[in-house]
Amino acid sequence: MMSQNEIRKVVIIGGGPAGYTAAIYAARAAAAPLLIEGYEPGGQLMTTTDIENFPGFKEPVAGSQLMSDMREQAARVGASFLSGAVLRVDLSVRPYRVVTDSGELLAKTIIVATGARAKYLGLPSEQAFMGRGVSACATCDGFFYRGKVVAVVGGGDTACEEATYLTNHATRVYLIHRRNELRASKIMADRLLSNPKVEPIWSHAVDEVLGDDSGVTGLRLRNVSDGATRELALDGVFMAIGHTPMTAFLEGQLSLDANGFIVTVPGTSSTSVKGVFAAGDVRDPVYRQAITAAGTGCMAAIEATRLLEHED
């Protein structure tokens, strides 16, 4: 690892579309960025089989391929990479201190692009069919279920948004919720439940995701009141039980919202600490798309390098 006394101009934490885009822009600005990739380089897109909504690709591109190409592009223009995880940071004084599992380094500016992880049920069968009928993003994958039957698991605003979006593609959308009423806001719940394509299944939990070599074929549901089980035939299931931003290492260092997402100055990527910027899903509980993550990665790199130029 580099000398602990070396001060990096730009350190990027996180290796998804936000982090790689930030690295490309920072490298092209001659800021010699160092990107710390974590244990899962590429982020959530590494488990996405086909991406059809990222501009510039006439044919679907695998998420792993898109991330590999972004990384190679960043390397070609001058970014360097460090494997491993960031354990904590000290943002009390500049240059900031970044502690990783392989040592420490100093940074004039930091771009946090650690993403947010979708919450899942934790079932082995759920993991087995990830990307083959199990998804956590209707906007990303709903297009693949045109004319098919799907289910959404959850009962909050996110579940209502996902289910409503899926009615544009699927012929039937089951909404599976453990309770007998939605937790979502009344206006969103009323809009969803009035849609003729939507059928709620109250007081049920998912016991198992069913499928074969072709992908998901159904769900085994359990009535939470009496324990009775039933099987539901369908083509895909969307988990909508929330996201967890990867910000545990930032607690007490940056302003976070009630759900742990980084708070940024409106219209910018600036955080509550000068010289620290946020990009991608770690600051975005609304859109959570590869293209918006890349866009904020661009913003963060431009803001970081402009700050450095101003200070120089």
C-alpha atoms as a PDB file:
ATOM      1  CA  MET A   1       0.000   0.000   0.000  1.00  0.00           C
ATOM      2  CA  MET A   2       1.092   3.604  -0.509  1.00  0.00           C
ATOM      3  CA  SER A   3       2.897   5.540   2.174  1.00  0.00           C
ATOM      4  CA  GLN A   4       0.639   6.686   4.979  1.00  0.00           C
ATOM      5  CA  ASN A   5       2.182  10.172   4.638  1.00  0.00           C
ATOM      6  CA  GLU A   6       1.133  10.521   1.008  1.00  0.00           C
ATOM      7  CA  ILE A   7      -1.850  12.821   0.633  1.00  0.00           C
ATOM      8  CA  ARG A   8      -4.224  11.856  -2.156  1.00  0.00           C
ATOM      9  CA  LYS A   9      -6.115  14.587  -3.977  1.00  0.00           C
ATOM     10  CA  VAL A  10      -9.250  12.472  -4.438  1.00  0.00           C
ATOM     11  CA  VAL A  11     -10.182   9.226  -2.707  1.00  0.00           C
ATOM     12  CA  ILE A  12     -13.345   7.520  -3.927  1.00  0.00           C
ATOM     13  CA  ILE A  13     -15.017   4.989  -1.653  1.00  0.00           C
ATOM     14  CA  GLY A  14     -17.178   2.534  -3.603  1.00  0.00           C
ATOM     15  CA  GLY A  15     -16.890   0.873  -6.983  1.00  0.00           C
ATOM     16  CA  GLY A  16     -20.315   0.938  -8.640  1.00  0.00           C
ATOM     17  CA  PRO A  17     -21.465   3.196 -11.493  1.00  0.00           C
ATOM     18  CA  ALA A  18     -21.178   6.291  -9.261  1.00  0.00           C
ATOM     19  CA  GLY A  19     -17.667   5.492  -8.091  1.00  0.00           C
ATOM     20  CA  TYR A  20     -16.334   4.470 -11.500  1.00  0.00           C
ATOM     21  CA  THR A  21     -17.813   7.548 -13.178  1.00  0.00           C
ATOM     22  CA  ALA A  22     -16.315   9.785 -10.497  1.00  0.00           C
ATOM     23  CA  ALA A  23     -12.963   8.084 -11.093  1.00  0.00           C
ATOM     24  CA  ILE A  24     -13.164   8.711 -14.837  1.00  0.00           C
ATOM     25  CA  TYR A  25     -13.901  12.417 -14.400  1.00  0.00           C
ATOM     26  CA  ALA A  26     -11.379  12.947 -11.606  1.00  0.00           C
ATOM     27  CA  ALA A  27      -8.649  11.150 -13.565  1.00  0.00           C
ATOM     28  CA  ARG A  28      -9.317  13.227 -16.669  1.00  0.00           C
ATOM     29  CA  ALA A  29      -8.954  16.324 -14.481  1.00  0.00           C
ATOM     30  CA  ALA A  30      -5.449  15.135 -13.528  1.00  0.00           C
ATOM     31  CA  ALA A  31      -6.458  14.513  -9.906  1.00  0.00           C
ATOM     32  CA  ALA A  32      -4.998  10.970  -9.841  1.00  0.00           C
ATOM     33  CA  PRO A  33      -7.958   9.463  -7.962  1.00  0.00           C
ATOM     34  CA  LEU A  34      -7.672   6.351  -5.845  1.00  0.00           C
ATOM     35  CA  LEU A  35     -10.824   4.224  -5.780  1.00  0.00           C
ATOM     36  CA  ILE A  36     -11.347   1.837  -2.868  1.00  0.00           C
ATOM     37  CA  GLU A  37     -13.574  -0.881  -4.300  1.00  0.00           C
ATOM     38  CA  GLY A  38     -14.733  -2.766  -1.226  1.00  0.00           C
ATOM     39  CA  TYR A  39     -15.379  -6.485  -1.249  1.00  0.00           C
ATOM     40  CA  GLU A  40     -18.011  -6.332  -3.997  1.00  0.00           C
ATOM     41  CA  PRO A  41     -16.529  -4.290  -6.881  1.00  0.00           C
ATOM     42  CA  GLY A  42     -19.235  -3.160  -9.256  1.00  0.00           C
ATOM     43  CA  GLY A  43     -21.974  -3.046  -6.646  1.00  0.00           C
ATOM     44  CA  GLN A  44     -25.507  -4.313  -7.121  1.00  0.00           C
ATOM     45  CA  LEU A  45     -25.254  -4.331 -10.919  1.00  0.00           C
ATOM     46  CA  MET A  46     -22.949  -7.327 -10.720  1.00  0.00           C
ATOM     47  CA  THR A  47     -26.035  -9.473 -10.065  1.00  0.00           C
ATOM     48  CA  THR A  48     -28.105  -7.912 -12.876  1.00  0.00           C
ATOM     49  CA  THR A  49     -28.207 -10.077 -15.969  1.00  0.00           C
ATOM     50  CA  ASP A  50     -29.499  -7.676 -18.643  1.00  0.00           C
ATOM     51  CA  ILE A  51     -29.609  -3.886 -18.576  1.00  0.00           C
ATOM     52  CA  GLU A  52     -31.712  -2.268 -21.295  1.00  0.00           C
ATOM     53  CA  ASN A  53     -32.045   1.271 -19.951  1.00  0.00           C
ATOM     54  CA  PHE A  54     -28.440   2.483 -19.829  1.00  0.00           C
ATOM     55  CA  PRO A  55     -27.909   4.864 -22.777  1.00  0.00           C
ATOM     56  CA  GLY A  56     -25.449   3.914 -25.477  1.00  0.00           C
ATOM     57  CA  PHE A  57     -26.179   0.194 -25.753  1.00  0.00           C
ATOM     58  CA  LYS A  58     -28.394  -0.911 -28.624  1.00  0.00           C
ATOM     59  CA  GLU A  59     -28.602  -4.410 -27.181  1.00  0.00           C
ATOM     60  CA  PRO A  60     -29.004  -5.450 -23.535  1.00  0.00           C
ATOM     61  CA  VAL A  61     -25.730  -5.439 -21.612  1.00  0.00           C
ATOM     62  CA  ALA A  62     -24.944  -7.566 -18.584  1.00  0.00           C
ATOM     63  CA  GLY A  63     -24.455  -5.561 -15.417  1.00  0.00           C
ATOM     64  CA  SER A  64     -21.101  -7.246 -14.791  1.00  0.00           C
ATOM     65  CA  GLN A  65     -19.918  -6.300 -18.286  1.00  0.00           C
ATOM     66  CA  LEU A  66     -21.019  -2.686 -17.895  1.00  0.00           C
ATOM     67  CA  MET A  67     -19.151  -2.400 -14.592  1.00  0.00           C
ATOM     68  CA  SER A  68     -16.058  -4.084 -16.028  1.00  0.00           C
ATOM     69  CA  ASP A  69     -16.039  -1.656 -18.951  1.00  0.00           C
ATOM     70  CA  MET A  70     -16.450   1.346 -16.638  1.00  0.00           C
ATOM     71  CA  ARG A  71     -13.585   0.161 -14.458  1.00  0.00           C
ATOM     72  CA  GLU A  72     -11.292  -0.393 -17.440  1.00  0.00           C
ATOM     73  CA  GLN A  73     -12.173   3.051 -18.762  1.00  0.00           C
ATOM     74  CA  ALA A  74     -11.317   4.627 -15.407  1.00  0.00           C
ATOM     75  CA  ALA A  75      -8.005   2.747 -15.311  1.00  0.00           C
ATOM     76  CA  ARG A  76      -7.161   3.795 -18.867  1.00  0.00           C
ATOM     77  CA  VAL A  77      -7.500   7.496 -18.076  1.00  0.00           C
ATOM     78  CA  GLY A  78      -5.405   7.279 -14.931  1.00  0.00           C
ATOM     79  CA  ALA A  79      -7.418   6.089 -11.922  1.00  0.00           C
ATOM     80  CA  SER A  80      -5.861   3.611  -9.513  1.00  0.00           C
ATOM     81  CA  PHE A  81      -7.640   1.019  -7.403  1.00  0.00           C
ATOM     82  CA  LEU A  82      -7.403  -0.505  -3.973  1.00  0.00           C
ATOM     83  CA  SER A  83      -9.208  -3.685  -2.965  1.00  0.00           C
ATOM     84  CA  GLY A  84     -10.678  -4.018   0.491  1.00  0.00           C
ATOM     85  CA  ALA A  85     -13.069  -2.210   2.771  1.00  0.00           C
ATOM     86  CA  VAL A  86     -13.078   1.131   4.548  1.00  0.00           C
ATOM     87  CA  LEU A  87     -13.486   0.566   8.270  1.00  0.00           C
ATOM     88  CA  ARG A  88     -13.846   4.187   9.351  1.00  0.00           C
ATOM     89  CA  VAL A  89     -12.953   7.729   8.442  1.00  0.00           C
ATOM     90  CA  ASP A  90     -11.867  10.758  10.425  1.00  0.00           C
ATOM     91  CA  LEU A  91     -13.361  13.914   8.932  1.00  0.00           C
ATOM     92  CA  SER A  92     -12.516  16.178  11.848  1.00  0.00           C
ATOM     93  CA  VAL A  93      -9.497  17.721  10.148  1.00  0.00           C
ATOM     94  CA  ARG A  94      -8.122  17.991   6.619  1.00  0.00           C
ATOM     95  CA  PRO A  95      -6.468  16.108   5.101  1.00  0.00           C
ATOM     96  CA  TYR A  96      -9.017  13.478   6.044  1.00  0.00           C
ATOM     97  CA  ARG A  97      -7.990  10.075   7.319  1.00  0.00           C
ATOM     98  CA  VAL A  98      -9.372   6.912   5.714  1.00  0.00           C
ATOM     99  CA  VAL A  99      -8.796   3.667   7.584  1.00  0.00           C
ATOM    100  CA  THR A 100      -9.048   0.497   5.505  1.00  0.00           C
ATOM    101  CA  ASP A 101      -8.515  -3.136   6.390  1.00  0.00           C
ATOM    102  CA  SER A 102      -5.027  -2.888   4.877  1.00  0.00           C
ATOM    103  CA  GLY A 103      -3.847   0.403   6.343  1.00  0.00           C
ATOM    104  CA  GLU A 104      -4.525   4.140   6.439  1.00  0.00           C
ATOM    105  CA  LEU A 105      -4.326   6.935   3.901  1.00  0.00           C
ATOM    106  CA  LEU A 106      -4.892  10.682   3.774  1.00  0.00           C
ATOM    107  CA  ALA A 107      -7.135  12.553   1.348  1.00  0.00           C
ATOM    108  CA  LYS A 108      -7.766  16.190   0.495  1.00  0.00           C
ATOM    109  CA  THR A 109     -11.216  15.267  -0.819  1.00  0.00           C
ATOM    110  CA  ILE A 110     -13.394  12.177  -0.508  1.00  0.00           C
ATOM    111  CA  ILE A 111     -16.230  10.973  -2.705  1.00  0.00           C
ATOM    112  CA  VAL A 112     -18.509   8.485  -0.957  1.00  0.00           C
ATOM    113  CA  ALA A 113     -20.170   6.145  -3.453  1.00  0.00           C
ATOM    114  CA  THR A 114     -20.827   3.077  -1.336  1.00  0.00           C
ATOM    115  CA  GLY A 115     -24.395   2.547  -2.547  1.00  0.00           C
ATOM    116  CA  ALA A 116     -27.438   1.143  -0.816  1.00  0.00           C
ATOM    117  CA  ARG A 117     -28.273  -2.521  -0.475  1.00  0.00           C
ATOM    118  CA  ALA A 118     -31.812  -3.704  -1.105  1.00  0.00           C
ATOM    119  CA  LYS A 119     -33.363  -5.551   1.802  1.00  0.00           C
ATOM    120  CA  TYR A 120     -34.347  -9.142   1.083  1.00  0.00           C
ATOM    121  CA  LEU A 121     -36.198 -11.800   3.012  1.00  0.00           C
ATOM    122  CA  GLY A 122     -33.109 -13.917   3.589  1.00  0.00           C
ATOM    123  CA  LEU A 123     -34.458 -17.098   2.004  1.00  0.00           C
ATOM    124  CA  PRO A 124     -31.985 -19.464   0.286  1.00  0.00           C
ATOM    125  CA  SER A 125     -34.442 -19.860  -2.599  1.00  0.00           C
ATOM    126  CA  GLU A 126     -34.618 -16.090  -2.950  1.00  0.00           C
ATOM    127  CA  GLN A 127     -30.856 -15.923  -3.373  1.00  0.00           C
ATOM    128  CA  ALA A 128     -30.898 -18.854  -5.788  1.00  0.00           C
ATOM    129  CA  PHE A 129     -33.187 -17.020  -8.215  1.00  0.00           C
ATOM    130  CA  MET A 130     -31.622 -13.567  -7.898  1.00  0.00           C
ATOM    131  CA  GLY A 131     -31.593 -12.050 -11.365  1.00  0.00           C
ATOM    132  CA  ARG A 132     -33.687 -14.955 -12.679  1.00  0.00           C
ATOM    133  CA  GLY A 133     -37.081 -13.793 -11.521  1.00  0.00           C
ATOM    134  CA  VAL A 134     -36.199 -12.172  -8.186  1.00  0.00           C
ATOM    135  CA  SER A 135     -35.564  -8.435  -8.313  1.00  0.00           C
ATOM    136  CA  ALA A 136     -35.659  -5.373  -6.090  1.00  0.00           C
ATOM    137  CA  CYS A 137     -36.103  -2.772  -8.840  1.00  0.00           C
ATOM    138  CA  ALA A 138     -39.258  -2.564 -10.933  1.00  0.00           C
ATOM    139  CA  THR A 139     -37.936   0.364 -12.963  1.00  0.00           C
ATOM    140  CA  CYS A 140     -34.862  -1.697 -13.846  1.00  0.00           C
ATOM    141  CA  ASP A 141     -36.528  -5.022 -14.634  1.00  0.00           C
ATOM    142  CA  GLY A 142     -40.259  -4.451 -15.121  1.00  0.00           C
ATOM    143  CA  PHE A 143     -39.861  -4.275 -18.899  1.00  0.00           C
ATOM    144  CA  PHE A 144     -38.926  -7.965 -18.947  1.00  0.00           C
ATOM    145  CA  TYR A 145     -42.346  -8.917 -17.548  1.00  0.00           C
ATOM    146  CA  ARG A 146     -44.576  -7.583 -20.301  1.00  0.00           C
ATOM    147  CA  GLY A 147     -47.685  -9.718 -20.451  1.00  0.00           C
ATOM    148  CA  LYS A 148     -46.645 -11.771 -17.413  1.00  0.00           C
ATOM    149  CA  VAL A 149     -47.744 -12.224 -13.797  1.00  0.00           C
ATOM    150  CA  VAL A 150     -45.639 -10.824 -10.973  1.00  0.00           C
ATOM    151  CA  ALA A 151     -45.783 -10.201  -7.245  1.00  0.00           C
ATOM    152  CA  VAL A 152     -44.525  -7.367  -5.085  1.00  0.00           C
ATOM    153  CA  VAL A 153     -43.613  -8.084  -1.459  1.00  0.00           C
ATOM    154  CA  GLY A 154     -44.078  -5.186   0.942  1.00  0.00           C
ATOM    155  CA  GLY A 155     -46.635  -2.739   2.240  1.00  0.00           C
ATOM    156  CA  GLY A 156     -45.054   0.709   2.296  1.00  0.00           C
ATOM    157  CA  ASP A 157     -44.746   3.539  -0.189  1.00  0.00           C
ATOM    158  CA  THR A 158     -41.948   1.754  -2.046  1.00  0.00           C
ATOM    159  CA  ALA A 159     -44.094  -1.344  -2.538  1.00  0.00           C
ATOM    160  CA  CYS A 160     -46.964   0.770  -3.851  1.00  0.00           C
ATOM    161  CA  GLU A 161     -44.660   2.604  -6.250  1.00  0.00           C
ATOM    162  CA  GLU A 162     -43.145  -0.633  -7.524  1.00  0.00           C
ATOM    163  CA  ALA A 163     -46.503  -2.342  -7.940  1.00  0.00           C
ATOM    164  CA  THR A 164     -48.044   0.669  -9.688  1.00  0.00           C
ATOM    165  CA  TYR A 165     -45.135   0.811 -12.120  1.00  0.00           C
ATOM    166  CA  LEU A 166     -45.406  -2.905 -12.854  1.00  0.00           C
ATOM    167  CA  THR A 167     -49.056  -2.559 -13.887  1.00  0.00           C
ATOM    168  CA  ASN A 168     -47.713  -0.840 -17.019  1.00  0.00           C
ATOM    169  CA  HIS A 169     -46.162  -4.135 -18.082  1.00  0.00           C
ATOM    170  CA  ALA A 170     -47.624  -7.137 -16.266  1.00  0.00           C
ATOM    171  CA  THR A 171     -51.120  -8.527 -16.744  1.00  0.00           C
ATOM    172  CA  ARG A 172     -51.509  -9.191 -13.013  1.00  0.00           C
ATOM    173  CA  VAL A 173     -49.648  -7.789 -10.001  1.00  0.00           C
ATOM    174  CA  TYR A 174     -50.081  -9.501  -6.631  1.00  0.00           C
ATOM    175  CA  LEU A 175     -49.236  -7.403  -3.607  1.00  0.00           C
ATOM    176  CA  ILE A 176     -48.150  -9.624  -0.717  1.00  0.00           C
ATOM    177  CA  HIS A 177     -48.146  -8.092   2.737  1.00  0.00           C
ATOM    178  CA  ARG A 178     -47.798  -9.562   6.214  1.00  0.00           C
ATOM    179  CA  ARG A 179     -50.460  -7.256   7.623  1.00  0.00           C
ATOM    180  CA  ASN A 180     -54.114  -6.719   6.709  1.00  0.00           C
ATOM    181  CA  GLU A 181     -53.596  -3.121   5.617  1.00  0.00           C
ATOM    182  CA  LEU A 182     -50.882  -1.094   3.911  1.00  0.00           C
ATOM    183  CA  ARG A 183     -48.390   1.100   5.726  1.00  0.00           C
ATOM    184  CA  ALA A 184     -48.185   3.373   2.684  1.00  0.00           C
ATOM    185  CA  SER A 185     -49.676   6.852   2.528  1.00  0.00           C
ATOM    186  CA  LYS A 186     -53.422   6.789   1.918  1.00  0.00           C
ATOM    187  CA  ILE A 187     -53.275   8.445  -1.483  1.00  0.00           C
ATOM    188  CA  MET A 188     -50.725   5.931  -2.791  1.00  0.00           C
ATOM    189  CA  ALA A 189     -52.546   2.965  -1.274  1.00  0.00           C
ATOM    190  CA  ASP A 190     -55.916   4.061  -2.698  1.00  0.00           C
ATOM    191  CA  ARG A 191     -54.442   4.585  -6.155  1.00  0.00           C
ATOM    192  CA  LEU A 192     -52.843   1.158  -6.172  1.00  0.00           C
ATOM    193  CA  LEU A 193     -55.770  -0.821  -4.780  1.00  0.00           C
ATOM    194  CA  SER A 194     -58.170   0.791  -7.256  1.00  0.00           C
ATOM    195  CA  ASN A 195     -56.124  -0.552 -10.164  1.00  0.00           C
ATOM    196  CA  PRO A 196     -57.908  -3.569 -11.680  1.00  0.00           C
ATOM    197  CA  LYS A 197     -54.586  -5.292 -12.395  1.00  0.00           C
ATOM    198  CA  VAL A 198     -53.651  -5.370  -8.713  1.00  0.00           C
ATOM    199  CA  GLU A 199     -54.719  -8.108  -6.313  1.00  0.00           C
ATOM    200  CA  PRO A 200     -53.624  -7.777  -2.673  1.00  0.00           C
ATOM    201  CA  ILE A 201     -52.891 -10.880  -0.623  1.00  0.00           C
ATOM    202  CA  TRP A 202     -53.196  -9.816   2.987  1.00  0.00           C
ATOM    203  CA  SER A 203     -51.695 -11.424   6.089  1.00  0.00           C
ATOM    204  CA  HIS A 204     -49.302 -13.649   4.153  1.00  0.00           C
ATOM    205  CA  ALA A 205     -45.539 -14.077   4.147  1.00  0.00           C
ATOM    206  CA  VAL A 206     -43.270 -15.678   1.557  1.00  0.00           C
ATOM    207  CA  ASP A 207     -41.962 -19.034   2.751  1.00  0.00           C
ATOM    208  CA  GLU A 208     -40.159 -20.040  -0.429  1.00  0.00           C
ATOM    209  CA  VAL A 209     -39.482 -18.867  -3.970  1.00  0.00           C
ATOM    210  CA  LEU A 210     -40.341 -21.647  -6.409  1.00  0.00           C
ATOM    211  CA  GLY A 211     -38.694 -22.177  -9.772  1.00  0.00           C
ATOM    212  CA  ASP A 212     -36.767 -24.331 -12.201  1.00  0.00           C
ATOM    213  CA  ASP A 213     -33.939 -23.941 -14.697  1.00  0.00           C
ATOM    214  CA  SER A 214     -35.886 -21.266 -16.560  1.00  0.00           C
ATOM    215  CA  GLY A 215     -36.330 -19.097 -13.471  1.00  0.00           C
ATOM    216  CA  VAL A 216     -39.073 -18.268 -10.992  1.00  0.00           C
ATOM    217  CA  THR A 217     -42.368 -20.113 -11.415  1.00  0.00           C
ATOM    218  CA  GLY A 218     -44.176 -19.196  -8.215  1.00  0.00           C
ATOM    219  CA  LEU A 219     -44.163 -18.580  -4.477  1.00  0.00           C
ATOM    220  CA  ARG A 220     -45.093 -20.646  -1.453  1.00  0.00           C
ATOM    221  CA  LEU A 221     -47.036 -18.349   0.886  1.00  0.00           C
ATOM    222  CA  ARG A 222     -47.850 -18.793   4.552  1.00  0.00           C
ATOM    223  CA  ASN A 223     -50.836 -17.285   6.311  1.00  0.00           C
ATOM    224  CA  VAL A 224     -49.401 -15.479   9.319  1.00  0.00           C
ATOM    225  CA  SER A 225     -52.603 -16.058  11.301  1.00  0.00           C
ATOM    226  CA  ASP A 226     -53.149 -19.799  11.012  1.00  0.00           C
ATOM    227  CA  GLY A 227     -49.942 -21.039   9.366  1.00  0.00           C
ATOM    228  CA  ALA A 228     -51.728 -22.494   6.327  1.00  0.00           C
ATOM    229  CA  THR A 229     -49.632 -22.529   3.143  1.00  0.00           C
ATOM    230  CA  ARG A 230     -50.564 -22.087  -0.490  1.00  0.00           C
ATOM    231  CA  GLU A 231     -48.714 -21.861  -3.778  1.00  0.00           C
ATOM    232  CA  LEU A 232     -49.057 -18.935  -6.153  1.00  0.00           C
ATOM    233  CA  ALA A 233     -48.045 -19.318  -9.802  1.00  0.00           C
ATOM    234  CA  LEU A 234     -46.234 -16.322 -11.302  1.00  0.00           C
ATOM    235  CA  ASP A 235     -43.250 -15.280 -13.403  1.00  0.00           C
ATOM    236  CA  GLY A 236     -41.367 -12.869 -11.170  1.00  0.00           C
ATOM    237  CA  VAL A 237     -41.233 -11.391  -7.689  1.00  0.00           C
ATOM    238  CA  PHE A 238     -40.086  -7.925  -6.633  1.00  0.00           C
ATOM    239  CA  MET A 239     -38.900  -7.312  -3.088  1.00  0.00           C
ATOM    240  CA  ALA A 240     -39.958  -3.868  -1.896  1.00  0.00           C
ATOM    241  CA  ILE A 241     -39.127  -3.872   1.780  1.00  0.00           C
ATOM    242  CA  GLY A 242     -36.611  -1.049   1.722  1.00  0.00           C
ATOM    243  CA  HIS A 243     -32.932  -0.281   1.183  1.00  0.00           C
ATOM    244  CA  THR A 244     -30.030   0.029   3.587  1.00  0.00           C
ATOM    245  CA  PRO A 245     -27.474   2.706   2.646  1.00  0.00           C
ATOM    246  CA  MET A 246     -23.895   1.641   3.269  1.00  0.00           C
ATOM    247  CA  THR A 247     -23.053   4.418   5.691  1.00  0.00           C
ATOM    248  CA  ALA A 248     -22.341   2.669   8.992  1.00  0.00           C
ATOM    249  CA  PHE A 249     -18.675   3.740   8.800  1.00  0.00           C
ATOM    250  CA  LEU A 250     -19.776   7.399   8.564  1.00  0.00           C
ATOM    251  CA  GLU A 251     -21.898   7.647  11.705  1.00  0.00           C
ATOM    252  CA  GLY A 252     -20.998  10.750  13.669  1.00  0.00           C
ATOM    253  CA  GLN A 253     -18.899  12.045  10.756  1.00  0.00           C
ATOM    254  CA  LEU A 254     -21.485  13.253   8.213  1.00  0.00           C
ATOM    255  CA  SER A 255     -25.105  14.383   8.325  1.00  0.00           C
ATOM    256  CA  LEU A 256     -27.355  11.420   7.547  1.00  0.00           C
ATOM    257  CA  ASP A 257     -31.136  11.361   7.243  1.00  0.00           C
ATOM    258  CA  ALA A 258     -33.425   9.247   9.422  1.00  0.00           C
ATOM    259  CA  ASN A 259     -32.841   6.210   7.174  1.00  0.00           C
ATOM    260  CA  GLY A 260     -29.083   6.577   7.007  1.00  0.00           C
ATOM    261  CA  PHE A 261     -28.761   8.184   3.565  1.00  0.00           C
ATOM    262  CA  ILE A 262     -26.168  10.949   3.215  1.00  0.00           C
ATOM    263  CA  VAL A 263     -27.685  14.434   3.202  1.00  0.00           C
ATOM    264  CA  THR A 264     -26.367  16.636   0.387  1.00  0.00           C
ATOM    265  CA  VAL A 265     -26.754  20.328  -0.352  1.00  0.00           C
ATOM    266  CA  PRO A 266     -29.661  20.598  -2.852  1.00  0.00           C
ATOM    267  CA  GLY A 267     -28.461  20.703  -6.442  1.00  0.00           C
ATOM    268  CA  THR A 268     -24.952  19.530  -5.525  1.00  0.00           C
ATOM    269  CA  SER A 269     -23.079  16.495  -4.261  1.00  0.00           C
ATOM    270  CA  SER A 270     -21.631  18.399  -1.289  1.00  0.00           C
ATOM    271  CA  THR A 271     -22.163  16.945   2.172  1.00  0.00           C
ATOM    272  CA  SER A 272     -22.093  18.566   5.598  1.00  0.00           C
ATOM    273  CA  VAL A 273     -18.268  18.430   5.574  1.00  0.00           C
ATOM    274  CA  LYS A 274     -16.222  20.575   3.188  1.00  0.00           C
ATOM    275  CA  GLY A 275     -14.349  18.467   0.667  1.00  0.00           C
ATOM    276  CA  VAL A 276     -16.513  15.398   1.180  1.00  0.00           C
ATOM    277  CA  PHE A 277     -19.008  14.566  -1.565  1.00  0.00           C
ATOM    278  CA  ALA A 278     -21.617  11.847  -2.038  1.00  0.00           C
ATOM    279  CA  ALA A 279     -22.689  10.097  -5.230  1.00  0.00           C
ATOM    280  CA  GLY A 280     -25.078   7.333  -6.204  1.00  0.00           C
ATOM    281  CA  ASP A 281     -27.591   5.378  -4.172  1.00  0.00           C
ATOM    282  CA  VAL A 282     -25.920   6.218  -0.866  1.00  0.00           C
ATOM    283  CA  ARG A 283     -27.474   9.680  -1.203  1.00  0.00           C
ATOM    284  CA  ASP A 284     -30.530   8.748  -3.286  1.00  0.00           C
ATOM    285  CA  PRO A 285     -33.534   6.967  -1.734  1.00  0.00           C
ATOM    286  CA  VAL A 286     -35.770   7.927  -4.685  1.00  0.00           C
ATOM    287  CA  TYR A 287     -34.397   6.993  -8.113  1.00  0.00           C
ATOM    288  CA  ARG A 288     -31.735   4.319  -7.465  1.00  0.00           C
ATOM    289  CA  GLN A 289     -30.770   3.908 -11.121  1.00  0.00           C
ATOM    290  CA  ALA A 290     -27.377   3.242 -12.690  1.00  0.00           C
ATOM    291  CA  ILE A 291     -27.702   6.328 -14.871  1.00  0.00           C
ATOM    292  CA  THR A 292     -28.556   8.652 -11.972  1.00  0.00           C
ATOM    293  CA  ALA A 293     -25.727   7.149  -9.941  1.00  0.00           C
ATOM    294  CA  ALA A 294     -23.327   7.810 -12.803  1.00  0.00           C
ATOM    295  CA  GLY A 295     -24.642  11.358 -13.117  1.00  0.00           C
ATOM    296  CA  THR A 296     -24.028  12.174  -9.479  1.00  0.00           C
ATOM    297  CA  GLY A 297     -20.596  10.533  -9.750  1.00  0.00           C
ATOM    298  CA  CYS A 298     -19.808  13.038 -12.484  1.00  0.00           C
ATOM    299  CA  MET A 299     -21.112  15.885 -10.295  1.00  0.00           C
ATOM    300  CA  ALA A 300     -19.040  14.805  -7.313  1.00  0.00           C
ATOM    301  CA  ALA A 301     -15.817  14.556  -9.314  1.00  0.00           C
ATOM    302  CA  ILE A 302     -16.318  17.957 -10.919  1.00  0.00           C
ATOM    303  CA  GLU A 303     -17.072  19.564  -7.559  1.00  0.00           C
ATOM    304  CA  ALA A 304     -14.091  17.889  -5.897  1.00  0.00           C
ATOM    305  CA  THR A 305     -11.622  18.881  -8.617  1.00  0.00           C
ATOM    306  CA  ARG A 306     -12.965  22.447  -8.760  1.00  0.00           C
ATOM    307  CA  LEU A 307     -12.456  22.745  -5.020  1.00  0.00           C
ATOM    308  CA  LEU A 308      -8.875  21.504  -5.388  1.00  0.00           C
ATOM    309  CA  GLU A 309      -8.202  23.929  -8.251  1.00  0.00           C
ATOM    310  CA  HIS A 310      -9.607  26.819  -6.209  1.00  0.00           C
ATOM    311  CA  GLU A 311      -7.483  25.933  -3.212  1.00  0.00           C
ATOM    312  CA  ASP A 312      -4.335  25.518  -5.311  1.00  0.00           C
END
